[in-house]
Amino acid sequence: METRIDPRGVIRSLLWVLFIAAVVLLAAYALGLFDRDGVQYTNNMEFSSGEFSYTGSLKNGLFTGDGAINFEDGSSYIGGFSDGRFSGGGVYTFSGQGSEQNSGNSGVGVRSFEGTFQDGQVSGGTFYFGDSREIVFTRESGGGTFTGTSWSFSSRDSKTTLFGTGTLTYNDGLCYTGSFLGGVASGNGILLNTEGRLIYTGSFLNGAFDGKGVYYSPEGWVYEGGFSAGKFDGEGLIRSDASTISGIWEKGIQVSRYE
């Protein structure tokens, strides 16, 4: 028996398929799956890996538009993205553990940053600390400047942050140049008084003399040796025009003397 195909039935079926396809495409467009140029653009997507999770927009597979990202260490960012990088206005919250490690001082580390980003780098805004400090950052050509209530910190590093090397100048003229962790002098550096005279050169921790260093007193004598929390500590010696004293100090007090 010969099977006859009804052309009108085929046409109706094709029209129905085209109608369904059109509805699907219109729905996809309304949901933001495609932009006017046909570039893939997905809104309100959720993505997670072992290191972070992301909720927001994607464009060509990259974070673009508004979104939120949470990292495994507890830090997070909410704001704008462009081609997978922080861009535009946003708030970055540091992890509690990371901020304390970076500051070297429990409870006072940097907590968050609110401002603008460009190409994944901080462009300008305010850092907020656990001890209620606020530090304003302004990016400049080849570097940037941090400004606190009584001081400013500048660096020519194009990736200026509160971690690295730079110069911290207080309003009264006291000046520190060296390494920083979380906006606090930590690592090797030098300290000059308001007249530019050398006060100390050596290791710092939490903003205080700590480790090996050399202290130059206003009276002219010099101490060279160990420090802890800003005080002479460990082996050291004091030199002056008249004599040299060497021994062991504990919390600023000499407890033994070498003959």
C-alpha atoms as a PDB file:
ATOM      1  CA  MET A   1       0.000   0.000   0.000  1.00  0.00           C
ATOM      2  CA  GLU A   2       1.445   3.306  -1.007  1.00  0.00           C
ATOM      3  CA  THR A   3       2.000   5.852   1.766  1.00  0.00           C
ATOM      4  CA  ARG A   4       1.052   9.317   0.761  1.00  0.00           C
ATOM      5  CA  ILE A   5       2.638  12.386   2.381  1.00  0.00           C
ATOM      6  CA  ASP A   6       0.390  15.361   3.005  1.00  0.00           C
ATOM      7  CA  PRO A   7       2.442  18.483   2.064  1.00  0.00           C
ATOM      8  CA  ARG A   8       0.207  20.632   4.219  1.00  0.00           C
ATOM      9  CA  GLY A   9       1.012  18.456   7.269  1.00  0.00           C
ATOM     10  CA  VAL A  10       4.758  18.812   6.631  1.00  0.00           C
ATOM     11  CA  ILE A  11       4.435  22.554   6.302  1.00  0.00           C
ATOM     12  CA  ARG A  12       2.410  22.752   9.535  1.00  0.00           C
ATOM     13  CA  SER A  13       5.082  20.682  11.333  1.00  0.00           C
ATOM     14  CA  LEU A  14       7.885  22.901  10.041  1.00  0.00           C
ATOM     15  CA  LEU A  15       6.007  26.020  11.042  1.00  0.00           C
ATOM     16  CA  TRP A  16       5.470  24.581  14.526  1.00  0.00           C
ATOM     17  CA  VAL A  17       9.180  23.790  14.894  1.00  0.00           C
ATOM     18  CA  LEU A  18      10.099  27.294  13.732  1.00  0.00           C
ATOM     19  CA  PHE A  19       7.592  28.764  16.175  1.00  0.00           C
ATOM     20  CA  ILE A  20       9.062  26.782  19.095  1.00  0.00           C
ATOM     21  CA  ALA A  21      12.610  27.786  18.046  1.00  0.00           C
ATOM     22  CA  ALA A  22      11.572  31.449  17.866  1.00  0.00           C
ATOM     23  CA  VAL A  23      10.012  31.257  21.325  1.00  0.00           C
ATOM     24  CA  VAL A  24      13.171  29.659  22.741  1.00  0.00           C
ATOM     25  CA  LEU A  25      15.423  32.301  21.147  1.00  0.00           C
ATOM     26  CA  LEU A  26      13.209  35.142  22.349  1.00  0.00           C
ATOM     27  CA  ALA A  27      13.238  33.708  25.856  1.00  0.00           C
ATOM     28  CA  ALA A  28      17.016  33.322  25.725  1.00  0.00           C
ATOM     29  CA  TYR A  29      17.371  36.902  24.556  1.00  0.00           C
ATOM     30  CA  ALA A  30      15.070  38.158  27.300  1.00  0.00           C
ATOM     31  CA  LEU A  31      17.097  36.267  29.888  1.00  0.00           C
ATOM     32  CA  GLY A  32      20.293  37.876  28.615  1.00  0.00           C
ATOM     33  CA  LEU A  33      21.797  34.806  27.004  1.00  0.00           C
ATOM     34  CA  PHE A  34      22.727  36.821  23.893  1.00  0.00           C
ATOM     35  CA  ASP A  35      23.308  40.495  23.302  1.00  0.00           C
ATOM     36  CA  ARG A  36      22.453  42.418  20.153  1.00  0.00           C
ATOM     37  CA  ASP A  37      25.764  41.488  18.538  1.00  0.00           C
ATOM     38  CA  GLY A  38      25.216  37.805  19.054  1.00  0.00           C
ATOM     39  CA  VAL A  39      27.940  37.573  21.718  1.00  0.00           C
ATOM     40  CA  GLN A  40      27.184  35.024  24.380  1.00  0.00           C
ATOM     41  CA  TYR A  41      26.117  36.856  27.557  1.00  0.00           C
ATOM     42  CA  THR A  42      24.726  35.037  30.582  1.00  0.00           C
ATOM     43  CA  ASN A  43      23.114  36.713  33.594  1.00  0.00           C
ATOM     44  CA  ASN A  44      22.694  35.386  37.139  1.00  0.00           C
ATOM     45  CA  MET A  45      24.941  32.406  36.653  1.00  0.00           C
ATOM     46  CA  GLU A  46      26.449  30.439  39.506  1.00  0.00           C
ATOM     47  CA  PHE A  47      29.884  28.886  39.203  1.00  0.00           C
ATOM     48  CA  SER A  48      32.117  27.227  41.765  1.00  0.00           C
ATOM     49  CA  SER A  49      35.472  25.498  41.917  1.00  0.00           C
ATOM     50  CA  GLY A  50      37.708  24.289  44.704  1.00  0.00           C
ATOM     51  CA  GLU A  51      39.121  27.791  45.210  1.00  0.00           C
ATOM     52  CA  PHE A  52      36.157  30.153  44.735  1.00  0.00           C
ATOM     53  CA  SER A  53      32.481  30.511  43.881  1.00  0.00           C
ATOM     54  CA  TYR A  54      30.966  33.168  41.601  1.00  0.00           C
ATOM     55  CA  THR A  55      27.463  34.497  41.069  1.00  0.00           C
ATOM     56  CA  GLY A  56      26.806  37.048  38.361  1.00  0.00           C
ATOM     57  CA  SER A  57      27.188  37.756  34.661  1.00  0.00           C
ATOM     58  CA  LEU A  58      29.419  36.082  32.097  1.00  0.00           C
ATOM     59  CA  LYS A  59      30.429  37.315  28.682  1.00  0.00           C
ATOM     60  CA  ASN A  60      32.329  34.995  26.363  1.00  0.00           C
ATOM     61  CA  GLY A  61      33.016  32.803  29.369  1.00  0.00           C
ATOM     62  CA  LEU A  62      34.550  35.635  31.443  1.00  0.00           C
ATOM     63  CA  PHE A  63      33.153  37.419  34.507  1.00  0.00           C
ATOM     64  CA  THR A  64      31.714  40.652  33.086  1.00  0.00           C
ATOM     65  CA  GLY A  65      29.150  43.005  34.583  1.00  0.00           C
ATOM     66  CA  ASP A  66      27.915  42.864  38.159  1.00  0.00           C
ATOM     67  CA  GLY A  67      28.837  39.882  40.262  1.00  0.00           C
ATOM     68  CA  ALA A  68      30.015  38.464  43.564  1.00  0.00           C
ATOM     69  CA  ILE A  69      32.926  36.136  44.210  1.00  0.00           C
ATOM     70  CA  ASN A  70      33.781  34.273  47.411  1.00  0.00           C
ATOM     71  CA  PHE A  71      37.235  32.783  47.861  1.00  0.00           C
ATOM     72  CA  GLU A  72      38.151  29.661  49.780  1.00  0.00           C
ATOM     73  CA  ASP A  73      40.187  31.644  52.353  1.00  0.00           C
ATOM     74  CA  GLY A  74      37.117  33.670  53.362  1.00  0.00           C
ATOM     75  CA  SER A  75      37.812  36.813  51.358  1.00  0.00           C
ATOM     76  CA  SER A  76      35.170  38.122  48.956  1.00  0.00           C
ATOM     77  CA  TYR A  77      34.409  40.763  46.337  1.00  0.00           C
ATOM     78  CA  ILE A  78      31.100  42.317  45.293  1.00  0.00           C
ATOM     79  CA  GLY A  79      31.000  44.749  42.398  1.00  0.00           C
ATOM     80  CA  GLY A  80      31.859  45.196  38.755  1.00  0.00           C
ATOM     81  CA  PHE A  81      33.869  42.896  36.503  1.00  0.00           C
ATOM     82  CA  SER A  82      35.304  43.262  33.026  1.00  0.00           C
ATOM     83  CA  ASP A  83      36.912  40.396  31.096  1.00  0.00           C
ATOM     84  CA  GLY A  84      37.390  38.416  34.289  1.00  0.00           C
ATOM     85  CA  ARG A  85      38.944  41.262  36.328  1.00  0.00           C
ATOM     86  CA  PHE A  86      37.651  43.582  39.023  1.00  0.00           C
ATOM     87  CA  SER A  87      36.487  46.744  37.253  1.00  0.00           C
ATOM     88  CA  GLY A  88      34.467  49.777  38.307  1.00  0.00           C
ATOM     89  CA  GLY A  89      33.011  50.173  41.763  1.00  0.00           C
ATOM     90  CA  GLY A  90      33.238  47.372  44.280  1.00  0.00           C
ATOM     91  CA  VAL A  91      33.922  46.193  47.822  1.00  0.00           C
ATOM     92  CA  TYR A  92      36.688  43.703  48.615  1.00  0.00           C
ATOM     93  CA  THR A  93      36.560  42.088  52.065  1.00  0.00           C
ATOM     94  CA  PHE A  94      39.746  40.462  53.332  1.00  0.00           C
ATOM     95  CA  SER A  95      39.644  37.159  55.167  1.00  0.00           C
ATOM     96  CA  GLY A  96      40.005  37.484  58.940  1.00  0.00           C
ATOM     97  CA  GLN A  97      42.994  35.154  59.002  1.00  0.00           C
ATOM     98  CA  GLY A  98      44.691  36.812  56.064  1.00  0.00           C
ATOM     99  CA  SER A  99      44.265  40.349  57.390  1.00  0.00           C
ATOM    100  CA  GLU A 100      45.791  39.464  60.748  1.00  0.00           C
ATOM    101  CA  GLN A 101      48.734  37.692  59.119  1.00  0.00           C
ATOM    102  CA  ASN A 102      49.305  40.622  56.805  1.00  0.00           C
ATOM    103  CA  SER A 103      49.232  43.191  59.584  1.00  0.00           C
ATOM    104  CA  GLY A 104      51.184  41.035  62.017  1.00  0.00           C
ATOM    105  CA  ASN A 105      48.965  42.376  64.808  1.00  0.00           C
ATOM    106  CA  SER A 106      45.756  40.669  65.893  1.00  0.00           C
ATOM    107  CA  GLY A 107      42.652  42.797  65.595  1.00  0.00           C
ATOM    108  CA  VAL A 108      44.096  45.742  63.661  1.00  0.00           C
ATOM    109  CA  GLY A 109      44.580  44.282  60.196  1.00  0.00           C
ATOM    110  CA  VAL A 110      42.981  45.613  57.046  1.00  0.00           C
ATOM    111  CA  ARG A 111      39.359  44.466  56.887  1.00  0.00           C
ATOM    112  CA  SER A 112      37.982  45.748  53.607  1.00  0.00           C
ATOM    113  CA  PHE A 113      38.435  48.095  50.682  1.00  0.00           C
ATOM    114  CA  GLU A 114      35.668  50.112  49.053  1.00  0.00           C
ATOM    115  CA  GLY A 115      36.315  52.079  45.903  1.00  0.00           C
ATOM    116  CA  THR A 116      37.096  51.657  42.234  1.00  0.00           C
ATOM    117  CA  PHE A 117      39.157  49.129  40.309  1.00  0.00           C
ATOM    118  CA  GLN A 118      40.780  49.215  36.893  1.00  0.00           C
ATOM    119  CA  ASP A 119      42.224  46.147  35.125  1.00  0.00           C
ATOM    120  CA  GLY A 120      42.025  44.215  38.386  1.00  0.00           C
ATOM    121  CA  GLN A 121      43.991  46.805  40.379  1.00  0.00           C
ATOM    122  CA  VAL A 122      42.872  49.287  43.006  1.00  0.00           C
ATOM    123  CA  SER A 123      42.311  52.664  41.367  1.00  0.00           C
ATOM    124  CA  GLY A 124      41.144  54.729  44.332  1.00  0.00           C
ATOM    125  CA  GLY A 125      39.135  54.412  47.494  1.00  0.00           C
ATOM    126  CA  THR A 126      39.316  53.659  51.208  1.00  0.00           C
ATOM    127  CA  PHE A 127      40.851  50.797  53.197  1.00  0.00           C
ATOM    128  CA  TYR A 128      39.107  50.019  56.494  1.00  0.00           C
ATOM    129  CA  PHE A 129      40.986  48.458  59.423  1.00  0.00           C
ATOM    130  CA  GLY A 130      39.944  46.457  62.471  1.00  0.00           C
ATOM    131  CA  ASP A 131      40.960  49.261  64.842  1.00  0.00           C
ATOM    132  CA  SER A 132      38.657  51.742  63.042  1.00  0.00           C
ATOM    133  CA  ARG A 133      41.460  53.294  61.004  1.00  0.00           C
ATOM    134  CA  GLU A 134      40.589  54.469  57.524  1.00  0.00           C
ATOM    135  CA  ILE A 135      43.229  54.939  54.843  1.00  0.00           C
ATOM    136  CA  VAL A 136      42.478  56.681  51.561  1.00  0.00           C
ATOM    137  CA  PHE A 137      44.344  55.544  48.458  1.00  0.00           C
ATOM    138  CA  THR A 138      44.858  57.661  45.350  1.00  0.00           C
ATOM    139  CA  ARG A 139      46.540  56.145  42.313  1.00  0.00           C
ATOM    140  CA  GLU A 140      49.091  58.314  40.562  1.00  0.00           C
ATOM    141  CA  SER A 141      51.247  57.903  37.491  1.00  0.00           C
ATOM    142  CA  GLY A 142      53.676  55.060  38.202  1.00  0.00           C
ATOM    143  CA  GLY A 143      52.454  54.507  41.753  1.00  0.00           C
ATOM    144  CA  GLY A 144      50.143  55.923  44.361  1.00  0.00           C
ATOM    145  CA  THR A 145      49.656  57.491  47.773  1.00  0.00           C
ATOM    146  CA  PHE A 146      47.921  56.279  50.932  1.00  0.00           C
ATOM    147  CA  THR A 147      46.755  58.981  53.323  1.00  0.00           C
ATOM    148  CA  GLY A 148      45.863  58.450  56.983  1.00  0.00           C
ATOM    149  CA  THR A 149      44.814  60.905  59.676  1.00  0.00           C
ATOM    150  CA  SER A 150      48.384  61.982  60.474  1.00  0.00           C
ATOM    151  CA  TRP A 151      50.563  60.489  57.758  1.00  0.00           C
ATOM    152  CA  SER A 152      50.895  59.599  54.084  1.00  0.00           C
ATOM    153  CA  PHE A 153      52.462  56.606  52.351  1.00  0.00           C
ATOM    154  CA  SER A 154      53.730  56.791  48.781  1.00  0.00           C
ATOM    155  CA  SER A 155      55.228  54.254  46.430  1.00  0.00           C
ATOM    156  CA  ARG A 156      56.369  54.362  42.829  1.00  0.00           C
ATOM    157  CA  ASP A 157      55.412  50.715  42.377  1.00  0.00           C
ATOM    158  CA  SER A 158      52.787  50.532  39.633  1.00  0.00           C
ATOM    159  CA  LYS A 159      51.018  47.833  41.687  1.00  0.00           C
ATOM    160  CA  THR A 160      50.957  49.923  44.854  1.00  0.00           C
ATOM    161  CA  THR A 161      49.316  48.217  47.825  1.00  0.00           C
ATOM    162  CA  LEU A 162      49.677  48.363  51.583  1.00  0.00           C
ATOM    163  CA  PHE A 163      52.032  45.414  51.268  1.00  0.00           C
ATOM    164  CA  GLY A 164      55.499  45.960  49.818  1.00  0.00           C
ATOM    165  CA  THR A 165      57.975  48.821  49.930  1.00  0.00           C
ATOM    166  CA  GLY A 166      57.389  52.540  50.152  1.00  0.00           C
ATOM    167  CA  THR A 167      57.799  55.712  52.192  1.00  0.00           C
ATOM    168  CA  LEU A 168      55.649  56.653  55.170  1.00  0.00           C
ATOM    169  CA  THR A 169      55.755  60.338  56.144  1.00  0.00           C
ATOM    170  CA  TYR A 170      54.059  61.689  59.259  1.00  0.00           C
ATOM    171  CA  ASN A 171      52.684  65.198  59.420  1.00  0.00           C
ATOM    172  CA  ASP A 172      55.367  66.170  61.971  1.00  0.00           C
ATOM    173  CA  GLY A 173      58.125  65.189  59.509  1.00  0.00           C
ATOM    174  CA  LEU A 174      59.060  61.749  60.876  1.00  0.00           C
ATOM    175  CA  CYS A 175      59.823  59.518  57.890  1.00  0.00           C
ATOM    176  CA  TYR A 176      60.065  55.736  57.432  1.00  0.00           C
ATOM    177  CA  THR A 177      61.236  54.067  54.228  1.00  0.00           C
ATOM    178  CA  GLY A 178      61.104  50.301  53.888  1.00  0.00           C
ATOM    179  CA  SER A 179      58.805  47.284  53.901  1.00  0.00           C
ATOM    180  CA  PHE A 180      55.154  47.179  54.922  1.00  0.00           C
ATOM    181  CA  LEU A 181      52.606  44.522  55.812  1.00  0.00           C
ATOM    182  CA  GLY A 182      49.007  45.685  55.951  1.00  0.00           C
ATOM    183  CA  GLY A 183      49.991  49.332  56.190  1.00  0.00           C
ATOM    184  CA  VAL A 184      52.353  48.725  59.138  1.00  0.00           C
ATOM    185  CA  ALA A 185      56.163  48.935  59.037  1.00  0.00           C
ATOM    186  CA  SER A 186      57.350  45.321  58.960  1.00  0.00           C
ATOM    187  CA  GLY A 187      60.621  44.086  57.468  1.00  0.00           C
ATOM    188  CA  ASN A 188      63.759  46.059  56.781  1.00  0.00           C
ATOM    189  CA  GLY A 189      63.691  49.843  56.766  1.00  0.00           C
ATOM    190  CA  ILE A 190      65.128  53.108  58.007  1.00  0.00           C
ATOM    191  CA  LEU A 191      63.616  55.800  60.234  1.00  0.00           C
ATOM    192  CA  LEU A 192      64.545  59.482  60.039  1.00  0.00           C
ATOM    193  CA  ASN A 193      63.569  62.197  62.506  1.00  0.00           C
ATOM    194  CA  THR A 194      61.875  65.474  61.628  1.00  0.00           C
ATOM    195  CA  GLU A 195      65.246  67.027  60.753  1.00  0.00           C
ATOM    196  CA  GLY A 196      66.273  64.155  58.498  1.00  0.00           C
ATOM    197  CA  ARG A 197      68.705  62.632  60.993  1.00  0.00           C
ATOM    198  CA  LEU A 198      68.984  58.833  61.024  1.00  0.00           C
ATOM    199  CA  ILE A 199      67.264  57.315  64.057  1.00  0.00           C
ATOM    200  CA  TYR A 200      67.223  53.616  63.223  1.00  0.00           C
ATOM    201  CA  THR A 201      68.094  51.191  60.490  1.00  0.00           C
ATOM    202  CA  GLY A 202      67.238  47.509  60.603  1.00  0.00           C
ATOM    203  CA  SER A 203      64.289  45.195  61.086  1.00  0.00           C
ATOM    204  CA  PHE A 204      60.744  46.225  62.033  1.00  0.00           C
ATOM    205  CA  LEU A 205      57.654  44.301  63.118  1.00  0.00           C
ATOM    206  CA  ASN A 206      54.199  45.773  63.799  1.00  0.00           C
ATOM    207  CA  GLY A 207      55.663  49.257  63.410  1.00  0.00           C
ATOM    208  CA  ALA A 208      58.349  48.759  66.104  1.00  0.00           C
ATOM    209  CA  PHE A 209      62.087  47.982  66.102  1.00  0.00           C
ATOM    210  CA  ASP A 210      62.247  44.190  66.134  1.00  0.00           C
ATOM    211  CA  GLY A 211      65.108  41.893  65.152  1.00  0.00           C
ATOM    212  CA  LYS A 212      68.598  43.101  64.289  1.00  0.00           C
ATOM    213  CA  GLY A 213      69.174  46.819  63.957  1.00  0.00           C
ATOM    214  CA  VAL A 214      71.130  49.940  64.819  1.00  0.00           C
ATOM    215  CA  TYR A 215      69.713  52.777  66.932  1.00  0.00           C
ATOM    216  CA  TYR A 216      71.286  56.265  66.855  1.00  0.00           C
ATOM    217  CA  SER A 217      70.509  58.264  70.005  1.00  0.00           C
ATOM    218  CA  PRO A 218      70.094  62.062  70.094  1.00  0.00           C
ATOM    219  CA  GLU A 219      72.991  62.177  72.581  1.00  0.00           C
ATOM    220  CA  GLY A 220      75.375  60.604  70.061  1.00  0.00           C
ATOM    221  CA  TRP A 221      75.781  57.065  71.352  1.00  0.00           C
ATOM    222  CA  VAL A 222      74.827  54.109  69.129  1.00  0.00           C
ATOM    223  CA  TYR A 223      73.287  50.752  70.027  1.00  0.00           C
ATOM    224  CA  GLU A 224      73.771  47.831  67.669  1.00  0.00           C
ATOM    225  CA  GLY A 225      72.160  44.462  68.300  1.00  0.00           C
ATOM    226  CA  GLY A 226      68.832  42.795  68.967  1.00  0.00           C
ATOM    227  CA  PHE A 227      65.437  44.440  69.470  1.00  0.00           C
ATOM    228  CA  SER A 228      62.023  43.212  70.492  1.00  0.00           C
ATOM    229  CA  ALA A 229      58.835  45.298  70.476  1.00  0.00           C
ATOM    230  CA  GLY A 230      60.886  48.495  70.230  1.00  0.00           C
ATOM    231  CA  LYS A 231      63.271  47.718  73.100  1.00  0.00           C
ATOM    232  CA  PHE A 232      66.871  46.474  73.275  1.00  0.00           C
ATOM    233  CA  ASP A 233      66.642  42.699  73.547  1.00  0.00           C
ATOM    234  CA  GLY A 234      69.305  40.042  73.071  1.00  0.00           C
ATOM    235  CA  GLU A 235      72.977  40.519  72.387  1.00  0.00           C
ATOM    236  CA  GLY A 236      74.157  44.020  71.617  1.00  0.00           C
ATOM    237  CA  LEU A 237      76.668  46.746  72.210  1.00  0.00           C
ATOM    238  CA  ILE A 238      76.598  50.464  72.896  1.00  0.00           C
ATOM    239  CA  ARG A 239      79.306  52.643  71.391  1.00  0.00           C
ATOM    240  CA  SER A 240      80.143  56.184  72.296  1.00  0.00           C
ATOM    241  CA  ASP A 241      83.181  58.423  71.973  1.00  0.00           C
ATOM    242  CA  ALA A 242      84.223  57.438  75.488  1.00  0.00           C
ATOM    243  CA  SER A 243      83.592  53.686  75.626  1.00  0.00           C
ATOM    244  CA  THR A 244      81.996  50.530  74.264  1.00  0.00           C
ATOM    245  CA  ILE A 245      79.646  48.383  76.335  1.00  0.00           C
ATOM    246  CA  SER A 246      78.567  44.937  75.161  1.00  0.00           C
ATOM    247  CA  GLY A 247      76.292  42.348  76.735  1.00  0.00           C
ATOM    248  CA  ILE A 248      72.775  40.980  76.823  1.00  0.00           C
ATOM    249  CA  TRP A 249      69.560  43.017  77.172  1.00  0.00           C
ATOM    250  CA  GLU A 250      66.044  41.944  78.097  1.00  0.00           C
ATOM    251  CA  LYS A 251      63.115  44.288  77.455  1.00  0.00           C
ATOM    252  CA  GLY A 252      65.418  47.298  77.369  1.00  0.00           C
ATOM    253  CA  ILE A 253      67.410  46.402  80.504  1.00  0.00           C
ATOM    254  CA  GLN A 254      70.989  45.117  80.406  1.00  0.00           C
ATOM    255  CA  VAL A 255      71.085  41.818  82.339  1.00  0.00           C
ATOM    256  CA  SER A 256      74.711  40.831  81.670  1.00  0.00           C
ATOM    257  CA  ARG A 257      77.877  42.474  80.493  1.00  0.00           C
ATOM    258  CA  TYR A 258      80.760  41.121  78.449  1.00  0.00           C
ATOM    259  CA  GLU A 259      84.241  41.980  79.694  1.00  0.00           C
END
